[in-house]
C-alpha atoms as a PDB file:
ATOM      1  CA  MET A   1     157.739-122.079  89.989  1.00  0.00           C
ATOM      2  CA  ALA A   2     154.663-119.637  90.179  1.00  0.00           C
ATOM      3  CA  TYR A   3     153.821-116.272  91.512  1.00  0.00           C
ATOM      4  CA  SER A   4     152.849-117.887  94.920  1.00  0.00           C
ATOM      5  CA  ASP A   5     156.350-119.495  95.291  1.00  0.00           C
ATOM      6  CA  PHE A   6     158.263-116.264  95.260  1.00  0.00           C
ATOM      7  CA  MET A   7     159.714-114.770  98.377  1.00  0.00           C
ATOM      8  CA  LEU A   8     160.830-111.036  98.672  1.00  0.00           C
ATOM      9  CA  ALA A   9     164.553-111.748  98.595  1.00  0.00           C
ATOM     10  CA  THR A  10     164.075-114.086  95.658  1.00  0.00           C
ATOM     11  CA  MET A  11     162.388-111.401  93.571  1.00  0.00           C
ATOM     12  CA  LYS A  12     164.958-108.692  94.382  1.00  0.00           C
ATOM     13  CA  GLU A  13     167.828-110.951  93.119  1.00  0.00           C
ATOM     14  CA  LYS A  14     166.193-112.586  90.196  1.00  0.00           C
ATOM     15  CA  PHE A  15     164.633-109.420  88.812  1.00  0.00           C
ATOM     16  CA  THR A  16     167.379-107.128  90.033  1.00  0.00           C
ATOM     17  CA  LEU A  17     164.837-104.934  91.761  1.00  0.00           C
ATOM     18  CA  ILE A  18     165.775-101.796  93.926  1.00  0.00           C
ATOM     19  CA  ILE A  19     163.470-101.821  96.810  1.00  0.00           C
ATOM     20  CA  ASP A  20     162.382 -98.674  98.710  1.00  0.00           C
ATOM     21  CA  GLY A  21     160.097 -99.230 101.742  1.00  0.00           C
ATOM     22  CA  LYS A  22     160.648 -96.017 103.621  1.00  0.00           C
ATOM     23  CA  ARG A  23     158.199 -93.598 101.942  1.00  0.00           C
ATOM     24  CA  ASN A  24     154.684 -92.469 102.439  1.00  0.00           C
ATOM     25  CA  LEU A  25     153.572 -93.131  98.864  1.00  0.00           C
ATOM     26  CA  PHE A  26     150.037 -91.874  99.082  1.00  0.00           C
ATOM     27  CA  LYS A  27     150.207 -88.970 101.686  1.00  0.00           C
ATOM     28  CA  GLU A  28     148.661 -86.589  99.137  1.00  0.00           C
ATOM     29  CA  VAL A  29     145.990 -88.908  97.871  1.00  0.00           C
ATOM     30  CA  VAL A  30     142.536 -87.572  98.420  1.00  0.00           C
ATOM     31  CA  PRO A  31     139.837 -89.883 100.124  1.00  0.00           C
ATOM     32  CA  VAL A  32     137.002 -91.013  97.996  1.00  0.00           C
ATOM     33  CA  LYS A  33     133.500 -91.199  99.644  1.00  0.00           C
ATOM     34  CA  ALA A  34     132.231 -94.615  99.679  1.00  0.00           C
ATOM     35  CA  SER A  35     128.767 -95.415  98.305  1.00  0.00           C
ATOM     36  CA  VAL A  36     125.833 -96.160 100.605  1.00  0.00           C
ATOM     37  CA  THR A  37     126.020 -99.688  99.150  1.00  0.00           C
ATOM     38  CA  LEU A  38     129.534-100.447 100.214  1.00  0.00           C
ATOM     39  CA  THR A  39     129.123 -98.625 103.642  1.00  0.00           C
ATOM     40  CA  THR A  40     126.132-101.064 104.316  1.00  0.00           C
ATOM     41  CA  LEU A  41     127.846-104.144 103.013  1.00  0.00           C
ATOM     42  CA  LEU A  42     131.045-103.470 104.948  1.00  0.00           C
ATOM     43  CA  HIS A  43     129.072-102.791 108.277  1.00  0.00           C
ATOM     44  CA  GLU A  44     127.534-106.358 107.876  1.00  0.00           C
ATOM     45  CA  TYR A  45     130.344-108.128 106.266  1.00  0.00           C
ATOM     46  CA  ILE A  46     133.372-106.867 108.416  1.00  0.00           C
ATOM     47  CA  GLN A  47     132.094-108.989 111.595  1.00  0.00           C
ATOM     48  CA  LEU A  48     131.160-112.049 109.662  1.00  0.00           C
ATOM     49  CA  ALA A  49     134.372-112.252 107.521  1.00  0.00           C
ATOM     50  CA  THR A  50     136.545-111.926 110.684  1.00  0.00           C
ATOM     51  CA  ALA A  51     134.432-114.424 112.466  1.00  0.00           C
ATOM     52  CA  ILE A  52     134.684-116.920 109.827  1.00  0.00           C
ATOM     53  CA  ASN A  53     138.269-116.026 109.404  1.00  0.00           C
ATOM     54  CA  THR A  54     139.285-117.790 106.274  1.00  0.00           C
ATOM     55  CA  GLU A  55     140.858-116.441 103.050  1.00  0.00           C
ATOM     56  CA  LYS A  56     137.948-117.346 100.991  1.00  0.00           C
ATOM     57  CA  ALA A  57     135.464-115.378 103.416  1.00  0.00           C
ATOM     58  CA  ARG A  58     137.738-112.262 103.519  1.00  0.00           C
ATOM     59  CA  SER A  59     138.270-112.363  99.653  1.00  0.00           C
ATOM     60  CA  GLU A  60     134.444-112.669  98.995  1.00  0.00           C
ATOM     61  CA  LEU A  61     133.037-110.573 101.614  1.00  0.00           C
ATOM     62  CA  LEU A  62     135.653-107.724 101.984  1.00  0.00           C
ATOM     63  CA  ILE A  63     138.106-107.533  99.324  1.00  0.00           C
ATOM     64  CA  MET A  64     135.645-108.032  96.307  1.00  0.00           C
ATOM     65  CA  GLN A  65     133.428-105.575  97.715  1.00  0.00           C
ATOM     66  CA  VAL A  66     136.021-102.842  98.069  1.00  0.00           C
ATOM     67  CA  LEU A  67     137.434-103.668  94.404  1.00  0.00           C
ATOM     68  CA  ALA A  68     133.829-103.691  92.975  1.00  0.00           C
ATOM     69  CA  GLU A  69     133.335-100.207  94.625  1.00  0.00           C
ATOM     70  CA  ALA A  70     136.268 -98.972  92.805  1.00  0.00           C
ATOM     71  CA  ARG A  71     134.832-100.035  89.527  1.00  0.00           C
ATOM     72  CA  ARG A  72     131.516 -98.627  90.481  1.00  0.00           C
ATOM     73  CA  GLN A  73     133.079 -95.295  91.309  1.00  0.00           C
ATOM     74  CA  LEU A  74     134.493 -95.144  87.705  1.00  0.00           C
ATOM     75  CA  SER A  75     130.981 -96.042  86.227  1.00  0.00           C
ATOM     76  CA  CYS A  76     132.336 -99.681  85.262  1.00  0.00           C
ATOM     77  CA  GLN A  77     134.965 -98.171  82.810  1.00  0.00           C
ATOM     78  CA  ILE A  78     137.572-100.523  84.299  1.00  0.00           C
ATOM     79  CA  ALA A  79     137.744-104.243  84.277  1.00  0.00           C
ATOM     80  CA  LEU A  80     137.977-106.495  87.456  1.00  0.00           C
ATOM     81  CA  PHE A  81     139.357-110.044  87.300  1.00  0.00           C
ATOM     82  CA  SER A  82     139.247-112.616  90.144  1.00  0.00           C
ATOM     83  CA  GLY A  83     141.001-115.893  90.335  1.00  0.00           C
ATOM     84  CA  THR A  84     142.195-115.633  86.759  1.00  0.00           C
ATOM     85  CA  ASP A  85     145.121-117.488  85.095  1.00  0.00           C
ATOM     86  CA  PHE A  86     147.836-114.954  84.486  1.00  0.00           C
ATOM     87  CA  ASP A  87     150.566-116.909  82.678  1.00  0.00           C
ATOM     88  CA  VAL A  88     153.295-114.468  81.278  1.00  0.00           C
ATOM     89  CA  ASP A  89     156.560-116.301  81.306  1.00  0.00           C
ATOM     90  CA  HIS A  90     156.766-119.772  82.574  1.00  0.00           C
ATOM     91  CA  LYS A  91     160.694-119.942  82.170  1.00  0.00           C
ATOM     92  CA  ARG A  92     160.940-117.090  84.719  1.00  0.00           C
ATOM     93  CA  GLY A  93     158.071-118.263  86.939  1.00  0.00           C
ATOM     94  CA  LEU A  94     155.647-115.509  86.072  1.00  0.00           C
ATOM     95  CA  ASN A  95     152.753-117.709  85.933  1.00  0.00           C
ATOM     96  CA  GLY A  96     149.893-119.009  88.000  1.00  0.00           C
ATOM     97  CA  ILE A  97     146.564-117.644  89.379  1.00  0.00           C
ATOM     98  CA  CYS A  98     146.325-113.884  90.271  1.00  0.00           C
ATOM     99  CA  ASN A  99     143.822-113.256  93.160  1.00  0.00           C
ATOM    100  CA  PHE A 100     142.469-110.121  91.649  1.00  0.00           C
ATOM    101  CA  ILE A 101     143.569-107.712  88.641  1.00  0.00           C
ATOM    102  CA  LEU A 102     142.096-104.302  87.915  1.00  0.00           C
ATOM    103  CA  CYS A 103     142.648-103.217  84.282  1.00  0.00           C
ATOM    104  CA  ASP A 104     142.337 -99.655  82.718  1.00  0.00           C
ATOM    105  CA  SER A 105     139.932-100.957  80.111  1.00  0.00           C
ATOM    106  CA  GLU A 106     136.113-101.851  79.772  1.00  0.00           C
ATOM    107  CA  GLU A 107     136.929-105.195  78.150  1.00  0.00           C
ATOM    108  CA  GLN A 108     135.783-107.837  80.660  1.00  0.00           C
ATOM    109  CA  PHE A 109     136.523-110.918  78.458  1.00  0.00           C
ATOM    110  CA  TYR A 110     140.172-110.982  78.482  1.00  0.00           C
ATOM    111  CA  ILE A 111     143.012-109.156  80.526  1.00  0.00           C
ATOM    112  CA  LYS A 112     144.357-105.919  78.712  1.00  0.00           C
ATOM    113  CA  ALA A 113     146.952-103.581  80.297  1.00  0.00           C
ATOM    114  CA  PRO A 114     146.840-104.737  84.000  1.00  0.00           C
ATOM    115  CA  VAL A 115     147.434-101.659  86.184  1.00  0.00           C
ATOM    116  CA  VAL A 116     146.711-103.017  89.679  1.00  0.00           C
ATOM    117  CA  THR A 117     147.447-106.653  90.864  1.00  0.00           C
ATOM    118  CA  VAL A 118     145.908-107.807  94.218  1.00  0.00           C
ATOM    119  CA  VAL A 119     147.189-110.510  96.408  1.00  0.00           C
ATOM    120  CA  VAL A 120     145.338-111.952  99.342  1.00  0.00           C
ATOM    121  CA  ALA A 121     147.732-112.378 102.230  1.00  0.00           C
ATOM    122  CA  LYS A 122     148.162-115.905 103.561  1.00  0.00           C
ATOM    123  CA  ASN A 123     147.251-116.541 107.360  1.00  0.00           C
ATOM    124  CA  GLU A 124     146.633-112.637 107.748  1.00  0.00           C
ATOM    125  CA  ASP A 125     150.400-111.922 107.357  1.00  0.00           C
ATOM    126  CA  ILE A 126     150.832-108.965 105.140  1.00  0.00           C
ATOM    127  CA  LYS A 127     154.677-109.372 105.086  1.00  0.00           C
ATOM    128  CA  SER A 128     154.554-112.899 103.822  1.00  0.00           C
ATOM    129  CA  GLY A 129     152.585-111.800 100.657  1.00  0.00           C
ATOM    130  CA  LEU A 130     155.197-109.548  99.397  1.00  0.00           C
ATOM    131  CA  GLY A 131     157.080-111.845  97.170  1.00  0.00           C
ATOM    132  CA  GLN A 132     153.765-113.175  95.444  1.00  0.00           C
ATOM    133  CA  CYS A 133     152.503-109.564  95.011  1.00  0.00           C
ATOM    134  CA  ILE A 134     155.711-108.374  93.579  1.00  0.00           C
ATOM    135  CA  ALA A 135     155.867-111.254  91.133  1.00  0.00           C
ATOM    136  CA  THR A 136     152.345-110.455  89.878  1.00  0.00           C
ATOM    137  CA  MET A 137     153.429-106.888  89.329  1.00  0.00           C
ATOM    138  CA  VAL A 138     156.433-107.889  87.437  1.00  0.00           C
ATOM    139  CA  GLY A 139     154.305-110.341  85.546  1.00  0.00           C
ATOM    140  CA  ALA A 140     151.925-107.379  84.747  1.00  0.00           C
ATOM    141  CA  GLN A 141     154.949-105.347  83.693  1.00  0.00           C
ATOM    142  CA  VAL A 142     156.252-107.991  81.268  1.00  0.00           C
ATOM    143  CA  PHE A 143     152.678-108.678  80.074  1.00  0.00           C
ATOM    144  CA  ASN A 144     152.285-104.867  78.944  1.00  0.00           C
ATOM    145  CA  GLN A 145     155.769-104.880  77.405  1.00  0.00           C
ATOM    146  CA  ASN A 146     154.819-108.041  75.266  1.00  0.00           C
ATOM    147  CA  THR A 147     151.523-106.578  74.237  1.00  0.00           C
ATOM    148  CA  GLN A 148     153.085-103.012  73.683  1.00  0.00           C
ATOM    149  CA  GLN A 149     150.830-101.408  75.986  1.00  0.00           C
ATOM    150  CA  GLU A 150     152.280 -98.362  77.685  1.00  0.00           C
ATOM    151  CA  VAL A 151     151.844 -98.522  81.593  1.00  0.00           C
ATOM    152  CA  ASN A 152     154.687 -96.775  83.379  1.00  0.00           C
ATOM    153  CA  GLU A 153     153.513 -97.707  86.785  1.00  0.00           C
ATOM    154  CA  ILE A 154     152.202-100.919  88.118  1.00  0.00           C
ATOM    155  CA  TYR A 155     150.381-100.868  91.296  1.00  0.00           C
ATOM    156  CA  GLY A 156     150.168-103.894  93.771  1.00  0.00           C
ATOM    157  CA  VAL A 157     148.145-104.470  96.817  1.00  0.00           C
ATOM    158  CA  ILE A 158     148.476-107.089  99.659  1.00  0.00           C
ATOM    159  CA  THR A 159     145.457-107.359 101.756  1.00  0.00           C
ATOM    160  CA  THR A 160     143.773-109.490 104.395  1.00  0.00           C
ATOM    161  CA  GLY A 161     140.481-107.659 103.690  1.00  0.00           C
ATOM    162  CA  THR A 162     140.951-105.683 106.893  1.00  0.00           C
ATOM    163  CA  ASN A 163     144.516-104.632 106.494  1.00  0.00           C
ATOM    164  CA  TRP A 164     145.927-102.916 103.148  1.00  0.00           C
ATOM    165  CA  ARG A 165     149.420-102.285 102.054  1.00  0.00           C
ATOM    166  CA  PHE A 166     150.193-100.706  98.653  1.00  0.00           C
ATOM    167  CA  LEU A 167     153.218-100.824  96.299  1.00  0.00           C
ATOM    168  CA  ILE A 168     154.473 -99.261  93.027  1.00  0.00           C
ATOM    169  CA  LEU A 169     156.645-100.748  90.447  1.00  0.00           C
ATOM    170  CA  GLU A 170     158.471 -98.515  87.910  1.00  0.00           C
ATOM    171  CA  ASN A 171     160.944-100.252  85.692  1.00  0.00           C
ATOM    172  CA  HIS A 172     163.213-101.850  88.222  1.00  0.00           C
ATOM    173  CA  GLN A 173     162.232 -99.642  91.191  1.00  0.00           C
ATOM    174  CA  LEU A 174     159.919-101.086  93.733  1.00  0.00           C
ATOM    175  CA  TYR A 175     158.367 -98.861  96.282  1.00  0.00           C
ATOM    176  CA  ILE A 176     156.548-100.359  99.299  1.00  0.00           C
ATOM    177  CA  ASP A 177     154.352 -97.952 101.168  1.00  0.00           C
ATOM    178  CA  ILE A 178     155.502 -97.468 104.823  1.00  0.00           C
ATOM    179  CA  VAL A 179     151.750 -97.162 105.610  1.00  0.00           C
ATOM    180  CA  GLU A 180     149.463-100.025 106.325  1.00  0.00           C
ATOM    181  CA  TYR A 181     145.811 -98.963 105.866  1.00  0.00           C
ATOM    182  CA  TYR A 182     142.766-100.474 107.839  1.00  0.00           C
ATOM    183  CA  ILE A 183     139.388-100.974 106.578  1.00  0.00           C
ATOM    184  CA  ASN A 184     137.867 -98.442 108.790  1.00  0.00           C
ATOM    185  CA  ASP A 185     139.853 -95.825 106.505  1.00  0.00           C
ATOM    186  CA  ILE A 186     137.981 -97.116 103.572  1.00  0.00           C
ATOM    187  CA  GLU A 187     137.798 -93.758 101.900  1.00  0.00           C
ATOM    188  CA  LYS A 188     141.526 -93.388 101.905  1.00  0.00           C
ATOM    189  CA  ILE A 189     141.840 -97.061 100.674  1.00  0.00           C
ATOM    190  CA  LEU A 190     139.428 -96.216  97.465  1.00  0.00           C
ATOM    191  CA  GLY A 191     141.405 -93.061  96.836  1.00  0.00           C
ATOM    192  CA  ILE A 192     144.485 -95.010  96.460  1.00  0.00           C
ATOM    193  CA  LEU A 193     142.946 -97.739  94.365  1.00  0.00           C
ATOM    194  CA  LEU A 194     141.453 -95.074  91.947  1.00  0.00           C
ATOM    195  CA  LYS A 195     144.913 -93.209  91.724  1.00  0.00           C
ATOM    196  CA  PRO A 196     146.070 -95.177  88.813  1.00  0.00           C
ATOM    197  CA  PHE A 197     142.837 -94.525  87.020  1.00  0.00           C
ATOM    198  CA  GLN A 198     142.866 -90.766  87.197  1.00  0.00           C
ATOM    199  CA  SER A 199     142.352 -90.105  83.486  1.00  0.00           C
ATOM    200  CA  THR A 200     139.483 -92.709  83.559  1.00  0.00           C
ATOM    201  CA  LEU A 201     137.932 -90.864  86.575  1.00  0.00           C
ATOM    202  CA  LEU A 202     138.326 -87.501  85.086  1.00  0.00           C
ATOM    203  CA  TYR A 203     136.469 -88.871  81.912  1.00  0.00           C
ATOM    204  CA  THR A 204     133.614 -90.311  84.079  1.00  0.00           C
ATOM    205  CA  ASN A 205     133.151 -87.036  85.958  1.00  0.00           C
ATOM    206  CA  GLN A 206     132.921 -84.820  82.641  1.00  0.00           C
END
């Protein structure tokens, strides 16, 4: 079993998760102005990615551009991994490829303290990606515990590139944001992506 094999119901039962999907988790998050670079790229790539309409195109042309912008906003003080093996616990199925991981660390050669895990939704279906996304979040939580790194909240994202849904995991409590954001609200999406890195953001703005 691997991350991609999990369904939402399986994750809830196997890892005794308490799921809350009725909250607007990021209502108070302040939007972050997108750079001219990202604005220009999205203007060109949204139409191209949706016309090609494959997972690979959406990942490369949209999702990676947004995540790279989040890293750019923090003066590259965080690490971004793509298509990386993230094997944490084979016995519990917490292994396999993680589409994207953002870490609160400048170290780009290995994963350290993952804070945000990103899963690309299959067949443009956000709901179908919940199990895999939550599995990678639990994997990140266990990884942190095993390496004695204190990260109280693990953030997860399920995205098609044009649609974005966010989650937060605290111990056994899982929150699934009731709001689904769209790429035309890119500044709100950036604000949410940067929320786990507030201390880094404050440091880079000093």
